[in-house]
């Protein structure tokens, strides 16, 4: 006599959880490294406003740095959104076929 269970759904859930964990790990890395660099640059540039005679130079560089941060944030959010949408779609597909 033998008892068997279909563990396909459980394995899929574990894989999906790992995908999310990987994306969150990547998100944390991006936040820690790629955002802090431009942010540090922006903070340094703002301290120069008091000392520098050409504010246009500073404003131009602040804008450029802010645009870099915007790109990084968009990439990070797109990555997480794609993963979340894929997982939702997989769940719906599994529910409709099961």
C-alpha atoms as a PDB file:
ATOM      1  CA  UNK A   1       0.000   0.000   0.000  1.00  0.00           C
ATOM      2  CA  UNK A   2       1.281   3.447  -0.838  1.00  0.00           C
ATOM      3  CA  UNK A   3       0.169   7.019  -0.364  1.00  0.00           C
ATOM      4  CA  UNK A   4       1.243   9.654  -2.853  1.00  0.00           C
ATOM      5  CA  UNK A   5       0.634  13.366  -3.145  1.00  0.00           C
ATOM      6  CA  UNK A   6       0.924  15.701  -6.083  1.00  0.00           C
ATOM      7  CA  UNK A   7       3.501  18.284  -4.993  1.00  0.00           C
ATOM      8  CA  UNK A   8       3.586  20.229  -8.275  1.00  0.00           C
ATOM      9  CA  UNK A   9       1.684  23.187  -6.855  1.00  0.00           C
ATOM     10  CA  UNK A  10       3.878  23.265  -3.760  1.00  0.00           C
ATOM     11  CA  UNK A  11       7.048  23.219  -5.899  1.00  0.00           C
ATOM     12  CA  UNK A  12       5.685  26.003  -8.114  1.00  0.00           C
ATOM     13  CA  UNK A  13       4.930  28.067  -5.026  1.00  0.00           C
ATOM     14  CA  UNK A  14       8.466  27.522  -3.739  1.00  0.00           C
ATOM     15  CA  UNK A  15       9.921  28.586  -7.108  1.00  0.00           C
ATOM     16  CA  UNK A  16       7.730  31.698  -7.167  1.00  0.00           C
ATOM     17  CA  UNK A  17       8.759  32.576  -3.642  1.00  0.00           C
ATOM     18  CA  UNK A  18      12.412  32.226  -4.643  1.00  0.00           C
ATOM     19  CA  UNK A  19      11.857  34.509  -7.656  1.00  0.00           C
ATOM     20  CA  UNK A  20      10.344  37.155  -5.408  1.00  0.00           C
ATOM     21  CA  UNK A  21      13.133  36.788  -2.873  1.00  0.00           C
ATOM     22  CA  UNK A  22      15.735  37.187  -5.635  1.00  0.00           C
ATOM     23  CA  UNK A  23      13.990  40.313  -6.916  1.00  0.00           C
ATOM     24  CA  UNK A  24      13.765  41.815  -3.435  1.00  0.00           C
ATOM     25  CA  UNK A  25      17.439  41.046  -2.886  1.00  0.00           C
ATOM     26  CA  UNK A  26      18.271  42.793  -6.153  1.00  0.00           C
ATOM     27  CA  UNK A  27      16.008  45.695  -5.152  1.00  0.00           C
ATOM     28  CA  UNK A  28      17.844  46.053  -1.852  1.00  0.00           C
ATOM     29  CA  UNK A  29      21.216  45.988  -3.629  1.00  0.00           C
ATOM     30  CA  UNK A  30      20.089  48.616  -6.125  1.00  0.00           C
ATOM     31  CA  UNK A  31      18.785  50.827  -3.336  1.00  0.00           C
ATOM     32  CA  UNK A  32      21.911  50.412  -1.290  1.00  0.00           C
ATOM     33  CA  UNK A  33      24.454  50.949  -4.045  1.00  0.00           C
ATOM     34  CA  UNK A  34      23.059  52.535  -7.169  1.00  0.00           C
ATOM     35  CA  UNK A  35      20.811  55.083  -5.481  1.00  0.00           C
ATOM     36  CA  UNK A  36      23.185  56.103  -2.734  1.00  0.00           C
ATOM     37  CA  UNK A  37      25.897  57.129  -5.240  1.00  0.00           C
ATOM     38  CA  UNK A  38      23.790  59.762  -7.028  1.00  0.00           C
ATOM     39  CA  UNK A  39      22.224  60.807  -3.740  1.00  0.00           C
ATOM     40  CA  UNK A  40      25.649  61.432  -2.217  1.00  0.00           C
ATOM     41  CA  UNK A  41      26.566  63.449  -5.294  1.00  0.00           C
ATOM     42  CA  UNK A  42      23.395  65.530  -4.966  1.00  0.00           C
ATOM     43  CA  UNK A  43      24.067  66.221  -1.301  1.00  0.00           C
ATOM     44  CA  UNK A  44      27.619  67.290  -2.105  1.00  0.00           C
ATOM     45  CA  UNK A  45      26.454  69.591  -4.875  1.00  0.00           C
ATOM     46  CA  UNK A  46      23.904  71.258  -2.637  1.00  0.00           C
ATOM     47  CA  UNK A  47      26.612  72.211  -0.138  1.00  0.00           C
ATOM     48  CA  UNK A  48      28.424  74.010  -2.944  1.00  0.00           C
ATOM     49  CA  UNK A  49      25.487  76.367  -3.554  1.00  0.00           C
ATOM     50  CA  UNK A  50      26.775  78.553  -0.745  1.00  0.00           C
ATOM     51  CA  UNK A  51      30.295  78.732  -2.172  1.00  0.00           C
ATOM     52  CA  UNK A  52      29.988  78.439  -5.945  1.00  0.00           C
ATOM     53  CA  UNK A  53      29.438  81.530  -8.064  1.00  0.00           C
ATOM     54  CA  UNK A  54      27.695  79.808 -10.990  1.00  0.00           C
ATOM     55  CA  UNK A  55      24.451  78.227  -9.755  1.00  0.00           C
ATOM     56  CA  UNK A  56      23.606  77.088 -13.311  1.00  0.00           C
ATOM     57  CA  UNK A  57      26.450  74.535 -13.143  1.00  0.00           C
ATOM     58  CA  UNK A  58      25.082  73.140  -9.910  1.00  0.00           C
ATOM     59  CA  UNK A  59      21.478  73.040 -11.085  1.00  0.00           C
ATOM     60  CA  UNK A  60      22.520  71.268 -14.305  1.00  0.00           C
ATOM     61  CA  UNK A  61      24.446  68.618 -12.360  1.00  0.00           C
ATOM     62  CA  UNK A  62      21.713  68.177  -9.775  1.00  0.00           C
ATOM     63  CA  UNK A  63      19.204  67.616 -12.574  1.00  0.00           C
ATOM     64  CA  UNK A  64      21.498  65.095 -14.284  1.00  0.00           C
ATOM     65  CA  UNK A  65      21.973  63.182 -11.032  1.00  0.00           C
ATOM     66  CA  UNK A  66      18.237  63.220 -10.271  1.00  0.00           C
ATOM     67  CA  UNK A  67      17.556  61.825 -13.754  1.00  0.00           C
ATOM     68  CA  UNK A  68      20.006  58.968 -13.082  1.00  0.00           C
ATOM     69  CA  UNK A  69      18.197  58.177  -9.846  1.00  0.00           C
ATOM     70  CA  UNK A  70      14.869  58.219 -11.675  1.00  0.00           C
ATOM     71  CA  UNK A  71      16.169  55.678 -14.213  1.00  0.00           C
ATOM     72  CA  UNK A  72      17.418  53.351 -11.460  1.00  0.00           C
ATOM     73  CA  UNK A  73      14.127  53.579  -9.559  1.00  0.00           C
ATOM     74  CA  UNK A  74      12.101  52.892 -12.716  1.00  0.00           C
ATOM     75  CA  UNK A  75      14.232  49.818 -13.544  1.00  0.00           C
ATOM     76  CA  UNK A  76      13.844  48.485 -10.025  1.00  0.00           C
ATOM     77  CA  UNK A  77      10.082  48.985  -9.976  1.00  0.00           C
ATOM     78  CA  UNK A  78       9.663  47.521 -13.466  1.00  0.00           C
ATOM     79  CA  UNK A  79      11.560  44.400 -12.437  1.00  0.00           C
ATOM     80  CA  UNK A  80       9.438  43.865  -9.342  1.00  0.00           C
ATOM     81  CA  UNK A  81       6.221  44.659 -11.198  1.00  0.00           C
ATOM     82  CA  UNK A  82       6.995  42.155 -13.966  1.00  0.00           C
ATOM     83  CA  UNK A  83       7.713  39.410 -11.456  1.00  0.00           C
ATOM     84  CA  UNK A  84       4.577  40.152  -9.460  1.00  0.00           C
ATOM     85  CA  UNK A  85       2.412  40.251 -12.601  1.00  0.00           C
ATOM     86  CA  UNK A  86       3.898  36.977 -13.846  1.00  0.00           C
ATOM     87  CA  UNK A  87       3.198  35.294 -10.515  1.00  0.00           C
ATOM     88  CA  UNK A  88      -0.387  36.582 -10.486  1.00  0.00           C
ATOM     89  CA  UNK A  89      -0.924  35.351 -14.040  1.00  0.00           C
ATOM     90  CA  UNK A  90       0.535  31.928 -13.226  1.00  0.00           C
ATOM     91  CA  UNK A  91      -1.747  31.643 -10.211  1.00  0.00           C
ATOM     92  CA  UNK A  92      -4.798  32.556 -12.320  1.00  0.00           C
ATOM     93  CA  UNK A  93      -3.774  30.068 -15.010  1.00  0.00           C
ATOM     94  CA  UNK A  94      -3.357  27.319 -12.414  1.00  0.00           C
ATOM     95  CA  UNK A  95      -6.724  28.093 -10.842  1.00  0.00           C
ATOM     96  CA  UNK A  96      -8.558  28.097 -14.171  1.00  0.00           C
ATOM     97  CA  UNK A  97      -6.968  24.822 -15.299  1.00  0.00           C
ATOM     98  CA  UNK A  98      -7.397  23.100 -11.933  1.00  0.00           C
END
